[in-house]
Amino acid sequence: MQPKVLPDIRRSPSGTAQLSDTAQADREVCDSYADYLSFTSPLGNPTDDRFAEGGFTSDLVRFYNDRADNGLGHTFSYQVTGTDLPVFRLATGSSLVACTLVQKHRTTGAPPTGTVRYDKGSDTDLLLGGGGGQWRSVDRTSSLTALIEVPAQKSRAAAVLACDCYDPQLLSATGARSD
């Protein structure tokens, strides 16, 4: 996925970037995004009035929902983490918010005997001890960042401009062996 071209940041007469005077309210979009992306596939709702449809919203939810077709259960939960980053005012009057999120992704084998496997040598396999074992369930924790444009008119949907949602940075993995 290619990120959208970011809108220009509003600048003061001296050329410095202007911060949003509604930064705290603008940052609430991060909690809304975490809530929107938290679901068990294939039950994720691709459309949400809070967000414009696109590659990091509706398409991402469809992508996660499609993963349920392979006999595995997937549950995603997101939480806002880290310190508040600066919120910039854009030339359009909107705000540019950077969100840091932790993704918890549980994968389970289909009952009664389904298992979860990862490619031998993959990051997840290595965090689980290597060897390409079979697991009843695996819990992975990852970190990601999203850039969201919050419109000045609060009645309009926010737009997720960029996100490493499709390939978040894996932090840990634990699992229950199928033995």
N, C-alpha and C. Protein backbone atom coordinates (compact mmCIF):
# COMPACT_ATOMS: atom_id res chain seq x y z
N MET A 1 0.84 -1.17 0.00
CA MET A 1 0.00 0.00 0.00
C MET A 1 0.89 1.24 0.00
N GLN A 2 0.54 2.18 -0.83
CA GLN A 2 1.25 3.44 -0.87
C GLN A 2 0.48 4.46 -0.03
N PRO A 3 1.18 5.18 0.87
CA PRO A 3 0.48 6.20 1.64
C PRO A 3 0.04 7.34 0.73
N LYS A 4 -1.04 7.99 1.13
CA LYS A 4 -1.49 9.16 0.40
C LYS A 4 -0.47 10.28 0.58
N VAL A 5 -0.47 11.23 -0.32
CA VAL A 5 0.40 12.40 -0.18
C VAL A 5 -0.15 13.21 0.98
N LEU A 6 0.72 13.53 1.91
CA LEU A 6 0.29 14.26 3.08
C LEU A 6 -0.02 15.71 2.74
N PRO A 7 -1.07 16.26 3.31
CA PRO A 7 -1.39 17.67 3.07
C PRO A 7 -0.29 18.57 3.65
N ASP A 8 -0.19 19.78 3.12
CA ASP A 8 0.80 20.73 3.62
C ASP A 8 0.47 21.14 5.05
N ILE A 9 1.50 21.33 5.85
CA ILE A 9 1.33 21.80 7.22
C ILE A 9 1.25 23.32 7.20
N ARG A 10 0.30 23.86 7.96
CA ARG A 10 0.15 25.31 8.06
C ARG A 10 1.39 25.88 8.75
N ARG A 11 1.86 26.97 8.24
CA ARG A 11 3.08 27.60 8.77
C ARG A 11 2.78 29.01 9.24
N SER A 12 3.53 29.42 10.24
CA SER A 12 3.42 30.80 10.74
C SER A 12 4.15 31.71 9.75
N PRO A 13 3.99 33.03 9.89
CA PRO A 13 4.71 33.94 9.01
C PRO A 13 6.23 33.73 9.03
N SER A 14 6.76 33.22 10.13
CA SER A 14 8.21 32.98 10.21
C SER A 14 8.60 31.63 9.61
N GLY A 15 7.59 30.83 9.22
CA GLY A 15 7.87 29.56 8.56
C GLY A 15 7.84 28.33 9.46
N THR A 16 7.59 28.52 10.75
CA THR A 16 7.54 27.35 11.64
C THR A 16 6.19 26.65 11.52
N ALA A 17 6.21 25.36 11.70
CA ALA A 17 4.98 24.56 11.63
C ALA A 17 4.07 24.93 12.79
N GLN A 18 2.78 25.05 12.50
CA GLN A 18 1.81 25.40 13.53
C GLN A 18 1.25 24.12 14.16
N LEU A 19 1.21 24.13 15.48
CA LEU A 19 0.60 23.03 16.21
C LEU A 19 -0.90 23.29 16.31
N SER A 20 -1.66 22.22 16.44
CA SER A 20 -3.10 22.33 16.58
C SER A 20 -3.44 22.87 17.97
N ASP A 21 -4.38 23.80 18.03
CA ASP A 21 -4.82 24.31 19.33
C ASP A 21 -5.92 23.41 19.91
N THR A 22 -6.29 22.36 19.20
CA THR A 22 -7.28 21.38 19.69
C THR A 22 -6.64 19.98 19.76
N ALA A 23 -5.35 19.95 20.07
CA ALA A 23 -4.59 18.70 20.02
C ALA A 23 -5.20 17.60 20.88
N GLN A 24 -5.59 17.91 22.10
CA GLN A 24 -6.13 16.87 22.98
C GLN A 24 -7.39 16.25 22.38
N ALA A 25 -8.30 17.07 21.88
CA ALA A 25 -9.52 16.54 21.25
C ALA A 25 -9.19 15.80 19.96
N ASP A 26 -8.22 16.30 19.19
CA ASP A 26 -7.83 15.65 17.94
C ASP A 26 -7.27 14.26 18.20
N ARG A 27 -6.52 14.09 19.30
CA ARG A 27 -5.90 12.79 19.62
C ARG A 27 -6.92 11.71 19.93
N GLU A 28 -8.16 12.08 20.22
CA GLU A 28 -9.20 11.08 20.50
C GLU A 28 -9.41 10.16 19.31
N VAL A 29 -9.01 10.61 18.10
CA VAL A 29 -9.14 9.77 16.92
C VAL A 29 -8.31 8.50 17.06
N CYS A 30 -7.24 8.55 17.83
CA CYS A 30 -6.40 7.36 18.03
C CYS A 30 -7.19 6.27 18.75
N ASP A 31 -7.92 6.65 19.81
CA ASP A 31 -8.76 5.68 20.52
C ASP A 31 -9.86 5.14 19.61
N SER A 32 -10.43 6.02 18.80
CA SER A 32 -11.48 5.58 17.87
C SER A 32 -10.92 4.59 16.85
N TYR A 33 -9.71 4.83 16.36
CA TYR A 33 -9.09 3.93 15.38
C TYR A 33 -8.80 2.58 16.03
N ALA A 34 -8.28 2.60 17.26
CA ALA A 34 -8.02 1.35 17.98
C ALA A 34 -9.32 0.56 18.17
N ASP A 35 -10.39 1.26 18.51
CA ASP A 35 -11.69 0.61 18.69
C ASP A 35 -12.19 0.01 17.37
N TYR A 36 -12.08 0.76 16.30
CA TYR A 36 -12.54 0.32 14.98
C TYR A 36 -11.83 -0.95 14.52
N LEU A 37 -10.53 -1.05 14.79
CA LEU A 37 -9.75 -2.19 14.32
C LEU A 37 -9.77 -3.39 15.27
N SER A 38 -10.47 -3.28 16.39
CA SER A 38 -10.54 -4.38 17.35
C SER A 38 -11.78 -5.22 17.08
N PHE A 39 -11.56 -6.46 16.61
CA PHE A 39 -12.67 -7.36 16.29
C PHE A 39 -12.16 -8.77 16.07
N THR A 40 -13.08 -9.71 15.99
CA THR A 40 -12.76 -11.09 15.63
C THR A 40 -13.22 -11.29 14.20
N SER A 41 -12.28 -11.73 13.33
CA SER A 41 -12.65 -11.92 11.93
C SER A 41 -13.49 -13.19 11.80
N PRO A 42 -14.45 -13.22 10.93
CA PRO A 42 -14.75 -12.29 9.85
C PRO A 42 -15.82 -11.25 10.21
N LEU A 43 -15.90 -10.86 11.47
CA LEU A 43 -16.98 -9.99 11.94
C LEU A 43 -16.63 -8.51 11.94
N GLY A 44 -15.48 -8.15 11.41
CA GLY A 44 -15.12 -6.73 11.35
C GLY A 44 -15.99 -5.99 10.35
N ASN A 45 -16.44 -4.81 10.74
CA ASN A 45 -17.28 -4.00 9.86
C ASN A 45 -16.39 -3.07 9.05
N PRO A 46 -16.31 -3.27 7.73
CA PRO A 46 -15.42 -2.43 6.91
C PRO A 46 -15.77 -0.95 6.92
N THR A 47 -17.03 -0.63 7.10
CA THR A 47 -17.41 0.79 7.08
C THR A 47 -17.69 1.27 8.50
N ASP A 48 -17.31 2.50 8.74
CA ASP A 48 -17.50 3.13 10.03
C ASP A 48 -17.61 4.62 9.77
N ASP A 49 -18.65 5.24 10.29
CA ASP A 49 -18.87 6.66 10.04
C ASP A 49 -17.73 7.55 10.52
N ARG A 50 -16.90 7.04 11.43
CA ARG A 50 -15.81 7.85 11.97
C ARG A 50 -14.63 7.98 10.99
N PHE A 51 -14.55 7.06 10.00
CA PHE A 51 -13.40 7.01 9.11
C PHE A 51 -13.80 6.91 7.65
N ALA A 52 -13.06 7.62 6.80
CA ALA A 52 -13.27 7.52 5.36
C ALA A 52 -12.78 6.15 4.90
N GLU A 53 -13.45 5.59 3.91
CA GLU A 53 -13.03 4.30 3.38
C GLU A 53 -11.69 4.44 2.67
N GLY A 54 -10.89 3.39 2.73
CA GLY A 54 -9.59 3.42 2.07
C GLY A 54 -8.72 2.25 2.47
N GLY A 55 -7.47 2.31 2.06
CA GLY A 55 -6.53 1.22 2.24
C GLY A 55 -6.21 0.89 3.68
N PHE A 56 -6.33 1.86 4.59
CA PHE A 56 -5.98 1.61 5.98
C PHE A 56 -7.20 1.57 6.89
N THR A 57 -8.37 1.51 6.28
CA THR A 57 -9.62 1.39 7.04
C THR A 57 -10.42 0.23 6.45
N SER A 58 -11.33 0.52 5.55
CA SER A 58 -12.22 -0.53 5.01
C SER A 58 -11.44 -1.66 4.34
N ASP A 59 -10.42 -1.35 3.55
CA ASP A 59 -9.64 -2.40 2.89
C ASP A 59 -8.89 -3.25 3.90
N LEU A 60 -8.37 -2.64 4.96
CA LEU A 60 -7.65 -3.37 6.00
C LEU A 60 -8.59 -4.33 6.73
N VAL A 61 -9.78 -3.87 7.07
CA VAL A 61 -10.75 -4.74 7.75
C VAL A 61 -11.13 -5.91 6.84
N ARG A 62 -11.35 -5.64 5.57
CA ARG A 62 -11.66 -6.73 4.63
C ARG A 62 -10.50 -7.72 4.56
N PHE A 63 -9.27 -7.23 4.53
CA PHE A 63 -8.08 -8.07 4.50
C PHE A 63 -8.07 -9.00 5.72
N TYR A 64 -8.32 -8.45 6.91
CA TYR A 64 -8.35 -9.27 8.13
C TYR A 64 -9.53 -10.24 8.10
N ASN A 65 -10.68 -9.78 7.62
CA ASN A 65 -11.84 -10.67 7.54
C ASN A 65 -11.57 -11.85 6.62
N ASP A 66 -10.88 -11.61 5.51
CA ASP A 66 -10.57 -12.68 4.55
C ASP A 66 -9.65 -13.74 5.13
N ARG A 67 -8.87 -13.40 6.14
CA ARG A 67 -7.97 -14.37 6.76
C ARG A 67 -8.73 -15.45 7.52
N ALA A 68 -9.97 -15.22 7.85
CA ALA A 68 -10.76 -16.21 8.58
C ALA A 68 -11.12 -17.40 7.70
N ASP A 69 -10.97 -17.26 6.39
CA ASP A 69 -11.36 -18.33 5.47
C ASP A 69 -10.42 -19.53 5.49
N ASN A 70 -9.27 -19.42 6.12
CA ASN A 70 -8.31 -20.52 6.07
C ASN A 70 -8.42 -21.47 7.26
N GLY A 71 -9.54 -21.48 7.95
CA GLY A 71 -9.73 -22.41 9.05
C GLY A 71 -9.11 -21.98 10.36
N LEU A 72 -8.63 -20.75 10.42
CA LEU A 72 -8.05 -20.23 11.65
C LEU A 72 -8.91 -19.09 12.18
N GLY A 73 -8.96 -18.99 13.49
CA GLY A 73 -9.65 -17.86 14.11
C GLY A 73 -8.67 -16.74 14.39
N HIS A 74 -9.07 -15.51 14.12
CA HIS A 74 -8.21 -14.35 14.35
C HIS A 74 -8.97 -13.31 15.16
N THR A 75 -8.38 -12.90 16.27
CA THR A 75 -8.94 -11.83 17.08
C THR A 75 -7.89 -10.73 17.18
N PHE A 76 -8.31 -9.52 16.90
CA PHE A 76 -7.43 -8.36 16.92
C PHE A 76 -7.92 -7.39 17.99
N SER A 77 -7.01 -6.92 18.82
CA SER A 77 -7.35 -5.84 19.74
C SER A 77 -6.20 -4.84 19.71
N TYR A 78 -6.57 -3.58 19.75
CA TYR A 78 -5.60 -2.49 19.64
C TYR A 78 -5.73 -1.58 20.85
N GLN A 79 -4.60 -1.00 21.22
CA GLN A 79 -4.59 -0.07 22.34
C GLN A 79 -3.61 1.05 22.01
N VAL A 80 -4.01 2.27 22.30
CA VAL A 80 -3.13 3.43 22.12
C VAL A 80 -2.04 3.34 23.17
N THR A 81 -0.82 3.63 22.76
CA THR A 81 0.31 3.53 23.68
C THR A 81 1.28 4.68 23.44
N GLY A 82 2.24 4.80 24.30
CA GLY A 82 3.29 5.81 24.12
C GLY A 82 2.87 7.18 24.59
N THR A 83 3.77 8.12 24.41
CA THR A 83 3.50 9.50 24.81
C THR A 83 2.80 10.22 23.66
N ASP A 84 2.08 11.26 24.00
CA ASP A 84 1.39 12.05 22.99
C ASP A 84 2.40 12.72 22.07
N LEU A 85 2.21 12.54 20.78
CA LEU A 85 3.06 13.17 19.79
C LEU A 85 2.45 14.51 19.38
N PRO A 86 3.24 15.42 18.82
CA PRO A 86 2.70 16.72 18.40
C PRO A 86 1.59 16.54 17.37
N VAL A 87 0.60 17.39 17.43
CA VAL A 87 -0.49 17.42 16.46
C VAL A 87 -0.34 18.71 15.67
N PHE A 88 -0.22 18.57 14.35
CA PHE A 88 0.01 19.74 13.51
C PHE A 88 -1.28 20.20 12.84
N ARG A 89 -1.38 21.50 12.65
CA ARG A 89 -2.50 22.09 11.90
C ARG A 89 -2.09 22.04 10.43
N LEU A 90 -3.00 21.59 9.59
CA LEU A 90 -2.74 21.51 8.16
C LEU A 90 -3.25 22.78 7.46
N ALA A 91 -2.75 23.01 6.28
CA ALA A 91 -3.15 24.19 5.50
C ALA A 91 -4.65 24.20 5.25
N THR A 92 -5.28 23.03 5.23
CA THR A 92 -6.73 22.91 4.99
C THR A 92 -7.56 23.25 6.23
N GLY A 93 -6.90 23.40 7.39
CA GLY A 93 -7.61 23.63 8.64
C GLY A 93 -7.79 22.35 9.44
N SER A 94 -7.56 21.21 8.81
CA SER A 94 -7.62 19.92 9.50
C SER A 94 -6.38 19.77 10.38
N SER A 95 -6.36 18.68 11.14
CA SER A 95 -5.21 18.38 11.99
C SER A 95 -4.57 17.07 11.55
N LEU A 96 -3.27 16.96 11.74
CA LEU A 96 -2.53 15.74 11.43
C LEU A 96 -2.10 15.12 12.75
N VAL A 97 -2.65 13.91 13.01
CA VAL A 97 -2.42 13.22 14.27
C VAL A 97 -1.62 11.95 14.01
N ALA A 98 -0.56 11.75 14.76
CA ALA A 98 0.20 10.50 14.71
C ALA A 98 -0.21 9.65 15.90
N CYS A 99 -0.60 8.41 15.64
CA CYS A 99 -1.02 7.49 16.69
C CYS A 99 -0.05 6.33 16.77
N THR A 100 0.36 5.98 17.96
CA THR A 100 1.14 4.76 18.17
C THR A 100 0.23 3.77 18.88
N LEU A 101 0.17 2.56 18.32
CA LEU A 101 -0.75 1.54 18.82
C LEU A 101 -0.01 0.23 19.06
N VAL A 102 -0.54 -0.54 19.99
CA VAL A 102 -0.09 -1.91 20.19
C VAL A 102 -1.23 -2.80 19.69
N GLN A 103 -0.86 -3.76 18.85
CA GLN A 103 -1.83 -4.73 18.33
C GLN A 103 -1.60 -6.05 19.06
N LYS A 104 -2.67 -6.61 19.57
CA LYS A 104 -2.64 -7.97 20.11
C LYS A 104 -3.45 -8.82 19.14
N HIS A 105 -2.80 -9.83 18.58
CA HIS A 105 -3.41 -10.67 17.55
C HIS A 105 -3.36 -12.12 18.02
N ARG A 106 -4.53 -12.67 18.30
CA ARG A 106 -4.64 -14.08 18.72
C ARG A 106 -5.08 -14.89 17.52
N THR A 107 -4.33 -15.94 17.23
CA THR A 107 -4.68 -16.88 16.16
C THR A 107 -4.93 -18.24 16.82
N THR A 108 -6.06 -18.85 16.49
CA THR A 108 -6.39 -20.16 17.05
C THR A 108 -6.72 -21.13 15.93
N GLY A 109 -6.35 -22.38 16.15
CA GLY A 109 -6.71 -23.43 15.21
C GLY A 109 -8.19 -23.76 15.34
N ALA A 110 -8.80 -24.12 14.22
CA ALA A 110 -10.23 -24.43 14.22
C ALA A 110 -10.49 -25.66 15.10
N PRO A 111 -11.48 -25.61 15.99
CA PRO A 111 -11.79 -26.76 16.84
C PRO A 111 -12.25 -27.94 15.98
N PRO A 112 -12.10 -29.15 16.36
CA PRO A 112 -11.52 -29.56 17.64
C PRO A 112 -10.02 -29.82 17.57
N THR A 113 -9.45 -29.99 16.39
CA THR A 113 -8.03 -30.38 16.34
C THR A 113 -7.17 -29.45 15.50
N GLY A 114 -7.69 -28.31 15.07
CA GLY A 114 -6.93 -27.41 14.21
C GLY A 114 -5.70 -26.84 14.90
N THR A 115 -4.70 -26.57 14.12
CA THR A 115 -3.47 -26.01 14.66
C THR A 115 -3.02 -24.80 13.86
N VAL A 116 -2.11 -24.06 14.46
CA VAL A 116 -1.52 -22.88 13.86
C VAL A 116 -0.05 -23.20 13.60
N ARG A 117 0.43 -22.89 12.41
CA ARG A 117 1.84 -23.09 12.06
C ARG A 117 2.38 -21.82 11.42
N TYR A 118 3.64 -21.57 11.64
CA TYR A 118 4.34 -20.45 11.01
C TYR A 118 5.53 -21.01 10.25
N ASP A 119 5.93 -20.34 9.20
CA ASP A 119 7.09 -20.78 8.43
C ASP A 119 8.30 -20.89 9.35
N LYS A 120 9.01 -21.99 9.21
CA LYS A 120 10.21 -22.21 10.00
C LYS A 120 11.20 -21.07 9.72
N GLY A 121 11.68 -20.45 10.79
CA GLY A 121 12.62 -19.35 10.66
C GLY A 121 11.96 -17.98 10.57
N SER A 122 10.62 -17.93 10.49
CA SER A 122 9.94 -16.62 10.47
C SER A 122 10.09 -15.96 11.84
N ASP A 123 9.84 -14.67 11.90
CA ASP A 123 9.95 -13.95 13.17
C ASP A 123 9.09 -14.60 14.25
N THR A 124 7.85 -14.94 13.91
CA THR A 124 6.96 -15.55 14.90
C THR A 124 7.49 -16.91 15.34
N ASP A 125 7.91 -17.73 14.39
CA ASP A 125 8.47 -19.04 14.72
C ASP A 125 9.66 -18.89 15.67
N LEU A 126 10.54 -17.96 15.39
CA LEU A 126 11.72 -17.77 16.24
C LEU A 126 11.34 -17.31 17.64
N LEU A 127 10.36 -16.42 17.74
CA LEU A 127 9.91 -15.97 19.06
C LEU A 127 9.22 -17.08 19.84
N LEU A 128 8.68 -18.06 19.13
CA LEU A 128 8.05 -19.21 19.78
C LEU A 128 9.05 -20.33 20.08
N GLY A 129 10.31 -20.11 19.78
CA GLY A 129 11.33 -21.10 20.10
C GLY A 129 11.91 -21.81 18.89
N GLY A 130 11.41 -21.50 17.70
CA GLY A 130 11.93 -22.09 16.47
C GLY A 130 11.45 -23.52 16.25
N GLY A 131 11.81 -24.05 15.11
CA GLY A 131 11.49 -25.43 14.81
C GLY A 131 10.20 -25.66 14.06
N GLY A 132 9.43 -24.61 13.79
CA GLY A 132 8.22 -24.78 13.00
C GLY A 132 7.16 -25.63 13.66
N GLY A 133 7.00 -25.52 14.97
CA GLY A 133 6.02 -26.34 15.70
C GLY A 133 4.58 -26.02 15.37
N GLN A 134 3.70 -26.86 15.90
CA GLN A 134 2.26 -26.67 15.76
C GLN A 134 1.70 -26.17 17.09
N TRP A 135 0.76 -25.26 16.97
CA TRP A 135 0.22 -24.58 18.15
C TRP A 135 -1.30 -24.60 18.12
N ARG A 136 -1.93 -24.71 19.28
CA ARG A 136 -3.40 -24.57 19.37
C ARG A 136 -3.78 -23.11 19.22
N SER A 137 -2.97 -22.24 19.84
CA SER A 137 -3.21 -20.80 19.72
C SER A 137 -1.88 -20.07 19.88
N VAL A 138 -1.83 -18.90 19.27
CA VAL A 138 -0.64 -18.05 19.36
C VAL A 138 -1.10 -16.62 19.58
N ASP A 139 -0.48 -15.98 20.56
CA ASP A 139 -0.73 -14.57 20.84
C ASP A 139 0.50 -13.78 20.43
N ARG A 140 0.29 -12.85 19.50
CA ARG A 140 1.38 -11.99 19.03
C ARG A 140 1.08 -10.55 19.43
N THR A 141 2.11 -9.84 19.84
CA THR A 141 2.00 -8.42 20.17
C THR A 141 2.90 -7.66 19.21
N SER A 142 2.35 -6.63 18.58
CA SER A 142 3.08 -5.83 17.60
C SER A 142 2.85 -4.35 17.87
N SER A 143 3.71 -3.53 17.30
CA SER A 143 3.61 -2.09 17.41
C SER A 143 3.41 -1.50 16.02
N LEU A 144 2.58 -0.45 15.94
CA LEU A 144 2.37 0.22 14.66
C LEU A 144 2.08 1.69 14.86
N THR A 145 2.22 2.43 13.77
CA THR A 145 1.98 3.86 13.78
C THR A 145 1.04 4.21 12.65
N ALA A 146 0.12 5.12 12.91
CA ALA A 146 -0.82 5.60 11.90
C ALA A 146 -0.81 7.12 11.88
N LEU A 147 -0.93 7.70 10.67
CA LEU A 147 -1.10 9.14 10.51
C LEU A 147 -2.52 9.38 10.06
N ILE A 148 -3.25 10.18 10.82
CA ILE A 148 -4.67 10.39 10.57
C ILE A 148 -4.96 11.88 10.42
N GLU A 149 -5.71 12.20 9.38
CA GLU A 149 -6.16 13.58 9.17
C GLU A 149 -7.53 13.73 9.82
N VAL A 150 -7.60 14.61 10.80
CA VAL A 150 -8.85 14.89 11.50
C VAL A 150 -9.41 16.18 10.92
N PRO A 151 -10.58 16.11 10.28
CA PRO A 151 -11.12 17.31 9.64
C PRO A 151 -11.53 18.38 10.65
N ALA A 152 -11.43 19.62 10.24
CA ALA A 152 -11.85 20.73 11.09
C ALA A 152 -13.35 20.64 11.37
N GLN A 153 -14.12 20.20 10.36
CA GLN A 153 -15.55 19.99 10.55
C GLN A 153 -15.73 18.60 11.14
N LYS A 154 -16.06 18.52 12.41
CA LYS A 154 -16.13 17.24 13.11
C LYS A 154 -17.21 16.32 12.55
N SER A 155 -18.08 16.84 11.72
CA SER A 155 -19.11 16.00 11.12
C SER A 155 -18.56 15.16 9.96
N ARG A 156 -17.36 15.49 9.47
CA ARG A 156 -16.73 14.71 8.40
C ARG A 156 -15.90 13.58 9.00
N ALA A 157 -15.71 12.53 8.22
CA ALA A 157 -14.94 11.37 8.66
C ALA A 157 -13.44 11.68 8.62
N ALA A 158 -12.72 11.10 9.57
CA ALA A 158 -11.26 11.21 9.57
C ALA A 158 -10.72 10.30 8.48
N ALA A 159 -9.54 10.64 7.96
CA ALA A 159 -8.90 9.84 6.91
C ALA A 159 -7.56 9.32 7.41
N VAL A 160 -7.37 8.01 7.35
CA VAL A 160 -6.09 7.42 7.73
C VAL A 160 -5.19 7.52 6.50
N LEU A 161 -4.17 8.36 6.59
CA LEU A 161 -3.32 8.67 5.45
C LEU A 161 -2.19 7.66 5.26
N ALA A 162 -1.69 7.12 6.35
CA ALA A 162 -0.59 6.16 6.28
C ALA A 162 -0.60 5.30 7.54
N CYS A 163 -0.16 4.06 7.38
CA CYS A 163 -0.13 3.14 8.52
C CYS A 163 0.71 1.93 8.13
N ASP A 164 1.46 1.41 9.08
CA ASP A 164 2.16 0.15 8.83
C ASP A 164 1.32 -1.03 9.34
N CYS A 165 0.01 -0.90 9.18
CA CYS A 165 -0.96 -1.88 9.68
C CYS A 165 -0.81 -3.27 9.06
N TYR A 166 -0.41 -3.33 7.81
CA TYR A 166 -0.30 -4.62 7.13
C TYR A 166 0.96 -5.38 7.55
N ASP A 167 1.92 -4.69 8.10
CA ASP A 167 3.16 -5.33 8.51
C ASP A 167 3.70 -4.63 9.77
N PRO A 168 2.95 -4.74 10.89
CA PRO A 168 3.40 -4.07 12.11
C PRO A 168 4.68 -4.73 12.65
N GLN A 169 5.38 -4.00 13.49
CA GLN A 169 6.62 -4.50 14.08
C GLN A 169 6.30 -5.49 15.19
N LEU A 170 6.65 -6.76 14.97
CA LEU A 170 6.39 -7.82 15.94
C LEU A 170 7.28 -7.61 17.16
N LEU A 171 6.65 -7.63 18.35
CA LEU A 171 7.38 -7.44 19.60
C LEU A 171 7.52 -8.74 20.38
N SER A 172 6.47 -9.56 20.40
CA SER A 172 6.52 -10.81 21.15
C SER A 172 5.51 -11.80 20.61
N ALA A 173 5.73 -13.07 20.95
CA ALA A 173 4.80 -14.13 20.59
C ALA A 173 4.86 -15.22 21.65
N THR A 174 3.69 -15.68 22.06
CA THR A 174 3.57 -16.80 22.98
C THR A 174 2.52 -17.74 22.42
N GLY A 175 2.60 -19.01 22.80
CA GLY A 175 1.64 -19.95 22.25
C GLY A 175 1.39 -21.14 23.15
N ALA A 176 0.28 -21.82 22.86
CA ALA A 176 -0.08 -23.06 23.55
C ALA A 176 0.14 -24.19 22.53
N ARG A 177 1.08 -25.07 22.83
CA ARG A 177 1.42 -26.17 21.94
C ARG A 177 0.24 -27.10 21.72
N SER A 178 0.22 -27.71 20.56
CA SER A 178 -0.88 -28.63 20.23
C SER A 178 -0.58 -30.07 20.63
N ASP A 179 0.61 -30.31 21.17
CA ASP A 179 1.03 -31.68 21.50
C ASP A 179 0.02 -32.37 22.34
